[in-house]
PDB file of all heavy atoms in Angstrom:
ATOM      1  N   HIS A   1       8.342 -31.119  -4.691  1.00  0.00           N
ATOM      2  CA  HIS A   1       8.084 -29.916  -3.900  1.00  0.00           C
ATOM      3  C   HIS A   1       9.099 -29.845  -2.760  1.00  0.00           C
ATOM      4  O   HIS A   1       8.803 -30.230  -1.629  1.00  0.00           O
ATOM      5  CB  HIS A   1       6.655 -29.929  -3.371  1.00  0.00           C
ATOM      6  CG  HIS A   1       5.623 -29.945  -4.452  1.00  0.00           C
ATOM      7  ND1 HIS A   1       5.433 -28.886  -5.319  1.00  0.00           N
ATOM      8  CD2 HIS A   1       4.752 -30.894  -4.843  1.00  0.00           C
ATOM      9  CE1 HIS A   1       4.476 -29.191  -6.177  1.00  0.00           C
ATOM     10  NE2 HIS A   1       4.053 -30.399  -5.906  1.00  0.00           N
ATOM     11  N   ILE A   2      10.289 -29.403  -3.112  1.00  0.00           N
ATOM     12  CA  ILE A   2      11.367 -29.372  -2.131  1.00  0.00           C
ATOM     13  C   ILE A   2      11.263 -28.101  -1.304  1.00  0.00           C
ATOM     14  O   ILE A   2      11.045 -27.013  -1.824  1.00  0.00           O
ATOM     15  CB  ILE A   2      12.737 -29.435  -2.839  1.00  0.00           C
ATOM     16  CG1 ILE A   2      12.868 -30.770  -3.576  1.00  0.00           C
ATOM     17  CG2 ILE A   2      13.869 -29.269  -1.854  1.00  0.00           C
ATOM     18  CD1 ILE A   2      14.094 -30.856  -4.439  1.00  0.00           C
ATOM     19  N   LEU A   3      11.436 -28.260  -0.003  1.00  0.00           N
ATOM     20  CA  LEU A   3      11.535 -27.114   0.879  1.00  0.00           C
ATOM     21  C   LEU A   3      12.998 -26.868   1.156  1.00  0.00           C
ATOM     22  O   LEU A   3      13.774 -27.792   1.292  1.00  0.00           O
ATOM     23  CB  LEU A   3      10.805 -27.410   2.198  1.00  0.00           C
ATOM     24  CG  LEU A   3       9.311 -27.686   2.075  1.00  0.00           C
ATOM     25  CD1 LEU A   3       8.744 -27.999   3.443  1.00  0.00           C
ATOM     26  CD2 LEU A   3       8.592 -26.503   1.471  1.00  0.00           C
ATOM     27  N   TRP A   4      13.379 -25.632   1.211  1.00  0.00           N
ATOM     28  CA  TRP A   4      14.788 -25.346   1.450  1.00  0.00           C
ATOM     29  C   TRP A   4      14.944 -24.221   2.445  1.00  0.00           C
ATOM     30  O   TRP A   4      14.048 -23.417   2.655  1.00  0.00           O
ATOM     31  CB  TRP A   4      15.522 -25.054   0.148  1.00  0.00           C
ATOM     32  CG  TRP A   4      14.917 -23.998  -0.695  1.00  0.00           C
ATOM     33  CD1 TRP A   4      13.860 -24.115  -1.545  1.00  0.00           C
ATOM     34  CD2 TRP A   4      15.333 -22.640  -0.786  1.00  0.00           C
ATOM     35  NE1 TRP A   4      13.597 -22.931  -2.140  1.00  0.00           N
ATOM     36  CE2 TRP A   4      14.480 -21.997  -1.701  1.00  0.00           C
ATOM     37  CE3 TRP A   4      16.350 -21.900  -0.172  1.00  0.00           C
ATOM     38  CZ2 TRP A   4      14.617 -20.670  -2.025  1.00  0.00           C
ATOM     39  CZ3 TRP A   4      16.481 -20.574  -0.511  1.00  0.00           C
ATOM     40  CH2 TRP A   4      15.612 -19.982  -1.438  1.00  0.00           C
ATOM     41  N   LEU A   5      16.099 -24.194   3.073  1.00  0.00           N
ATOM     42  CA  LEU A   5      16.349 -23.282   4.169  1.00  0.00           C
ATOM     43  C   LEU A   5      16.948 -21.979   3.676  1.00  0.00           C
ATOM     44  O   LEU A   5      17.907 -21.969   2.935  1.00  0.00           O
ATOM     45  CB  LEU A   5      17.313 -23.943   5.165  1.00  0.00           C
ATOM     46  CG  LEU A   5      17.445 -23.280   6.524  1.00  0.00           C
ATOM     47  CD1 LEU A   5      16.148 -23.462   7.302  1.00  0.00           C
ATOM     48  CD2 LEU A   5      18.594 -23.907   7.287  1.00  0.00           C
ATOM     49  N   TYR A   6      16.354 -20.877   4.113  1.00  0.00           N
ATOM     50  CA  TYR A   6      16.897 -19.567   3.771  1.00  0.00           C
ATOM     51  C   TYR A   6      16.641 -18.630   4.944  1.00  0.00           C
ATOM     52  O   TYR A   6      15.537 -18.518   5.438  1.00  0.00           O
ATOM     53  CB  TYR A   6      16.238 -19.028   2.503  1.00  0.00           C
ATOM     54  CG  TYR A   6      16.690 -17.639   2.139  1.00  0.00           C
ATOM     55  CD1 TYR A   6      18.024 -17.378   1.855  1.00  0.00           C
ATOM     56  CD2 TYR A   6      15.792 -16.574   2.108  1.00  0.00           C
ATOM     57  CE1 TYR A   6      18.446 -16.108   1.534  1.00  0.00           C
ATOM     58  CE2 TYR A   6      16.207 -15.301   1.786  1.00  0.00           C
ATOM     59  CZ  TYR A   6      17.526 -15.066   1.501  1.00  0.00           C
ATOM     60  OH  TYR A   6      17.971 -13.815   1.184  1.00  0.00           O
ATOM     61  N   GLN A   7      17.687 -17.978   5.404  1.00  0.00           N
ATOM     62  CA  GLN A   7      17.615 -17.083   6.553  1.00  0.00           C
ATOM     63  C   GLN A   7      16.985 -17.790   7.755  1.00  0.00           C
ATOM     64  O   GLN A   7      16.207 -17.211   8.520  1.00  0.00           O
ATOM     65  CB  GLN A   7      16.829 -15.816   6.210  1.00  0.00           C
ATOM     66  CG  GLN A   7      17.583 -14.934   5.217  1.00  0.00           C
ATOM     67  CD  GLN A   7      16.858 -13.644   4.912  1.00  0.00           C
ATOM     68  OE1 GLN A   7      15.659 -13.538   5.076  1.00  0.00           O
ATOM     69  NE2 GLN A   7      17.597 -12.645   4.475  1.00  0.00           N
ATOM     70  N   GLY A   8      17.358 -19.085   7.899  1.00  0.00           N
ATOM     71  CA  GLY A   8      16.962 -19.828   9.083  1.00  0.00           C
ATOM     72  C   GLY A   8      15.528 -20.315   9.086  1.00  0.00           C
ATOM     73  O   GLY A   8      15.067 -20.877  10.065  1.00  0.00           O
ATOM     74  N   GLN A   9      14.777 -20.137   7.999  1.00  0.00           N
ATOM     75  CA  GLN A   9      13.390 -20.571   7.962  1.00  0.00           C
ATOM     76  C   GLN A   9      13.141 -21.384   6.710  1.00  0.00           C
ATOM     77  O   GLN A   9      13.787 -21.198   5.687  1.00  0.00           O
ATOM     78  CB  GLN A   9      12.442 -19.370   7.969  1.00  0.00           C
ATOM     79  CG  GLN A   9      12.536 -18.526   9.246  1.00  0.00           C
ATOM     80  CD  GLN A   9      11.572 -17.354   9.194  1.00  0.00           C
ATOM     81  OE1 GLN A   9      11.033 -17.045   8.144  1.00  0.00           O
ATOM     82  NE2 GLN A   9      11.366 -16.720  10.322  1.00  0.00           N
ATOM     83  N   LEU A  10      12.174 -22.302   6.799  1.00  0.00           N
ATOM     84  CA  LEU A  10      11.781 -23.064   5.619  1.00  0.00           C
ATOM     85  C   LEU A  10      10.893 -22.211   4.725  1.00  0.00           C
ATOM     86  O   LEU A  10       9.942 -21.601   5.176  1.00  0.00           O
ATOM     87  CB  LEU A  10      11.033 -24.333   6.027  1.00  0.00           C
ATOM     88  CG  LEU A  10      11.911 -25.450   6.607  1.00  0.00           C
ATOM     89  CD1 LEU A  10      11.032 -26.550   7.161  1.00  0.00           C
ATOM     90  CD2 LEU A  10      12.833 -25.991   5.537  1.00  0.00           C
ATOM     91  N   VAL A  11      11.241 -22.178   3.448  1.00  0.00           N
ATOM     92  CA  VAL A  11      10.496 -21.373   2.486  1.00  0.00           C
ATOM     93  C   VAL A  11      10.001 -22.306   1.397  1.00  0.00           C
ATOM     94  O   VAL A  11      10.742 -23.136   0.902  1.00  0.00           O
ATOM     95  CB  VAL A  11      11.410 -20.283   1.869  1.00  0.00           C
ATOM     96  CG1 VAL A  11      10.631 -19.444   0.876  1.00  0.00           C
ATOM     97  CG2 VAL A  11      11.981 -19.403   2.965  1.00  0.00           C
ATOM     98  N   SER A  12       8.758 -22.199   0.994  1.00  0.00           N
ATOM     99  CA  SER A  12       8.204 -23.114   0.007  1.00  0.00           C
ATOM    100  C   SER A  12       8.769 -22.825  -1.371  1.00  0.00           C
ATOM    101  O   SER A  12       9.325 -21.768  -1.656  1.00  0.00           O
ATOM    102  CB  SER A  12       6.680 -22.980  -0.046  1.00  0.00           C
ATOM    103  OG  SER A  12       6.316 -21.824  -0.769  1.00  0.00           O
ATOM    104  N   SER A  13       8.612 -23.808  -2.267  1.00  0.00           N
ATOM    105  CA  SER A  13       9.133 -23.685  -3.622  1.00  0.00           C
ATOM    106  C   SER A  13       8.414 -22.613  -4.426  1.00  0.00           C
ATOM    107  O   SER A  13       8.830 -22.296  -5.546  1.00  0.00           O
ATOM    108  CB  SER A  13       9.021 -25.029  -4.347  1.00  0.00           C
ATOM    109  OG  SER A  13       7.686 -25.445  -4.387  1.00  0.00           O
ATOM    110  N   GLN A  14       7.321 -22.055  -3.875  1.00  0.00           N
ATOM    111  CA  GLN A  14       6.613 -20.994  -4.573  1.00  0.00           C
ATOM    112  C   GLN A  14       7.279 -19.635  -4.381  1.00  0.00           C
ATOM    113  O   GLN A  14       6.904 -18.646  -5.000  1.00  0.00           O
ATOM    114  CB  GLN A  14       5.154 -20.924  -4.068  1.00  0.00           C
ATOM    115  CG  GLN A  14       4.385 -22.228  -4.218  1.00  0.00           C
ATOM    116  CD  GLN A  14       4.355 -22.708  -5.644  1.00  0.00           C
ATOM    117  OE1 GLN A  14       4.078 -21.932  -6.556  1.00  0.00           O
ATOM    118  NE2 GLN A  14       4.643 -23.985  -5.850  1.00  0.00           N
ATOM    119  N   ALA A  15       8.268 -19.565  -3.494  1.00  0.00           N
ATOM    120  CA  ALA A  15       8.950 -18.295  -3.252  1.00  0.00           C
ATOM    121  C   ALA A  15       9.631 -17.816  -4.523  1.00  0.00           C
ATOM    122  O   ALA A  15       9.972 -18.594  -5.404  1.00  0.00           O
ATOM    123  CB  ALA A  15       9.961 -18.458  -2.122  1.00  0.00           C
ATOM    124  N   ASN A  16       9.866 -16.528  -4.597  1.00  0.00           N
ATOM    125  CA  ASN A  16      10.500 -15.947  -5.773  1.00  0.00           C
ATOM    126  C   ASN A  16      11.991 -16.228  -5.719  1.00  0.00           C
ATOM    127  O   ASN A  16      12.751 -15.542  -5.040  1.00  0.00           O
ATOM    128  CB  ASN A  16      10.236 -14.437  -5.807  1.00  0.00           C
ATOM    129  CG  ASN A  16      10.704 -13.808  -7.107  1.00  0.00           C
ATOM    130  OD1 ASN A  16      11.610 -14.316  -7.772  1.00  0.00           O
ATOM    131  ND2 ASN A  16      10.085 -12.713  -7.482  1.00  0.00           N
ATOM    132  N   MET A  17      12.413 -17.254  -6.454  1.00  0.00           N
ATOM    133  CA  MET A  17      13.799 -17.698  -6.385  1.00  0.00           C
ATOM    134  C   MET A  17      14.765 -16.641  -6.896  1.00  0.00           C
ATOM    135  O   MET A  17      15.881 -16.508  -6.401  1.00  0.00           O
ATOM    136  CB  MET A  17      13.979 -19.006  -7.164  1.00  0.00           C
ATOM    137  CG  MET A  17      15.352 -19.641  -6.977  1.00  0.00           C
ATOM    138  SD  MET A  17      15.378 -21.367  -7.504  1.00  0.00           S
ATOM    139  CE  MET A  17      14.818 -21.246  -9.206  1.00  0.00           C
ATOM    140  N   SER A  18      14.342 -15.865  -7.875  1.00  0.00           N
ATOM    141  CA  SER A  18      15.248 -14.850  -8.424  1.00  0.00           C
ATOM    142  C   SER A  18      15.623 -13.818  -7.369  1.00  0.00           C
ATOM    143  O   SER A  18      16.761 -13.324  -7.341  1.00  0.00           O
ATOM    144  CB  SER A  18      14.618 -14.168  -9.641  1.00  0.00           C
ATOM    145  OG  SER A  18      13.442 -13.481  -9.284  1.00  0.00           O
ATOM    146  N   ASN A  19      14.683 -13.500  -6.477  1.00  0.00           N
ATOM    147  CA  ASN A  19      14.994 -12.555  -5.403  1.00  0.00           C
ATOM    148  C   ASN A  19      16.004 -13.135  -4.427  1.00  0.00           C
ATOM    149  O   ASN A  19      16.896 -12.439  -3.947  1.00  0.00           O
ATOM    150  CB  ASN A  19      13.718 -12.158  -4.657  1.00  0.00           C
ATOM    151  CG  ASN A  19      12.834 -11.222  -5.474  1.00  0.00           C
ATOM    152  OD1 ASN A  19      13.303 -10.606  -6.432  1.00  0.00           O
ATOM    153  ND2 ASN A  19      11.565 -11.141  -5.100  1.00  0.00           N
ATOM    154  N   VAL A  20      15.852 -14.414  -4.146  1.00  0.00           N
ATOM    155  CA  VAL A  20      16.762 -15.087  -3.229  1.00  0.00           C
ATOM    156  C   VAL A  20      18.172 -15.142  -3.817  1.00  0.00           C
ATOM    157  O   VAL A  20      19.157 -14.955  -3.115  1.00  0.00           O
ATOM    158  CB  VAL A  20      16.241 -16.503  -2.917  1.00  0.00           C
ATOM    159  CG1 VAL A  20      17.268 -17.284  -2.107  1.00  0.00           C
ATOM    160  CG2 VAL A  20      14.923 -16.426  -2.165  1.00  0.00           C
ATOM    161  N   LEU A  21      18.263 -15.392  -5.118  1.00  0.00           N
ATOM    162  CA  LEU A  21      19.562 -15.522  -5.783  1.00  0.00           C
ATOM    163  C   LEU A  21      20.188 -14.178  -6.128  1.00  0.00           C
ATOM    164  O   LEU A  21      21.370 -14.111  -6.481  1.00  0.00           O
ATOM    165  CB  LEU A  21      19.407 -16.351  -7.063  1.00  0.00           C
ATOM    166  CG  LEU A  21      18.991 -17.813  -6.876  1.00  0.00           C
ATOM    167  CD1 LEU A  21      18.704 -18.455  -8.223  1.00  0.00           C
ATOM    168  CD2 LEU A  21      20.061 -18.591  -6.132  1.00  0.00           C
ATOM    169  N   ALA A  22      19.418 -13.113  -6.030  1.00  0.00           N
ATOM    170  CA  ALA A  22      19.875 -11.796  -6.482  1.00  0.00           C
ATOM    171  C   ALA A  22      21.205 -11.340  -5.896  1.00  0.00           C
ATOM    172  O   ALA A  22      22.034 -10.775  -6.621  1.00  0.00           O
ATOM    173  CB  ALA A  22      18.787 -10.751  -6.203  1.00  0.00           C
ATOM    174  N   PRO A  23      21.481 -11.563  -4.596  1.00  0.00           N
ATOM    175  CA  PRO A  23      22.750 -11.054  -4.043  1.00  0.00           C
ATOM    176  C   PRO A  23      23.996 -11.593  -4.745  1.00  0.00           C
ATOM    177  O   PRO A  23      25.044 -10.949  -4.726  1.00  0.00           O
ATOM    178  CB  PRO A  23      22.700 -11.511  -2.578  1.00  0.00           C
ATOM    179  CG  PRO A  23      21.250 -11.626  -2.269  1.00  0.00           C
ATOM    180  CD  PRO A  23      20.626 -12.133  -3.533  1.00  0.00           C
ATOM    181  N   GLN A  24      23.890 -12.775  -5.376  1.00  0.00           N
ATOM    182  CA  GLN A  24      25.064 -13.376  -6.020  1.00  0.00           C
ATOM    183  C   GLN A  24      24.940 -13.436  -7.542  1.00  0.00           C
ATOM    184  O   GLN A  24      25.855 -13.905  -8.210  1.00  0.00           O
ATOM    185  CB  GLN A  24      25.272 -14.803  -5.487  1.00  0.00           C
ATOM    186  CG  GLN A  24      25.606 -14.859  -4.003  1.00  0.00           C
ATOM    187  CD  GLN A  24      25.782 -16.273  -3.488  1.00  0.00           C
ATOM    188  OE1 GLN A  24      25.272 -17.236  -4.071  1.00  0.00           O
ATOM    189  NE2 GLN A  24      26.499 -16.421  -2.388  1.00  0.00           N
ATOM    190  N   ALA A  25      23.837 -12.945  -8.081  1.00  0.00           N
ATOM    191  CA  ALA A  25      23.533 -13.142  -9.500  1.00  0.00           C
ATOM    192  C   ALA A  25      24.619 -12.597 -10.423  1.00  0.00           C
ATOM    193  O   ALA A  25      24.923 -13.186 -11.469  1.00  0.00           O
ATOM    194  CB  ALA A  25      22.188 -12.512  -9.839  1.00  0.00           C
ATOM    195  N   GLY A  26      25.210 -11.472 -10.049  1.00  0.00           N
ATOM    196  CA  GLY A  26      26.206 -10.857 -10.919  1.00  0.00           C
ATOM    197  C   GLY A  26      27.642 -11.215 -10.593  1.00  0.00           C
ATOM    198  O   GLY A  26      28.579 -10.711 -11.227  1.00  0.00           O
ATOM    199  N   ARG A  27      27.838 -12.086  -9.629  1.00  0.00           N
ATOM    200  CA  ARG A  27      29.191 -12.447  -9.199  1.00  0.00           C
ATOM    201  C   ARG A  27      29.880 -13.264 -10.286  1.00  0.00           C
ATOM    202  O   ARG A  27      29.335 -14.243 -10.792  1.00  0.00           O
ATOM    203  CB  ARG A  27      29.113 -13.256  -7.906  1.00  0.00           C
ATOM    204  CG  ARG A  27      30.475 -13.676  -7.347  1.00  0.00           C
ATOM    205  CD  ARG A  27      31.136 -12.562  -6.561  1.00  0.00           C
ATOM    206  NE  ARG A  27      32.217 -13.090  -5.737  1.00  0.00           N
ATOM    207  CZ  ARG A  27      33.500 -13.122  -6.104  1.00  0.00           C
ATOM    208  NH1 ARG A  27      33.854 -12.644  -7.286  1.00  0.00           N
ATOM    209  NH2 ARG A  27      34.414 -13.625  -5.295  1.00  0.00           N
ATOM    210  N   VAL A  28      31.091 -12.860 -10.646  1.00  0.00           N
ATOM    211  CA  VAL A  28      31.843 -13.551 -11.699  1.00  0.00           C
ATOM    212  C   VAL A  28      33.261 -13.814 -11.219  1.00  0.00           C
ATOM    213  O   VAL A  28      33.948 -12.914 -10.735  1.00  0.00           O
ATOM    214  CB  VAL A  28      31.883 -12.715 -13.000  1.00  0.00           C
ATOM    215  CG1 VAL A  28      32.792 -13.375 -14.026  1.00  0.00           C
ATOM    216  CG2 VAL A  28      30.481 -12.536 -13.569  1.00  0.00           C
TER     217      VAL A  28
END
C-alpha cells in the first residue's frame, strides 16, 4: 500500500491512477 505524492499531497493507492496519468497518456 504505497502512498505517493501528487500535487503536493499524499494520495492513497485507491485513487484513480488513470486520471492522474491522463495528462501524459498520449505522449509519444
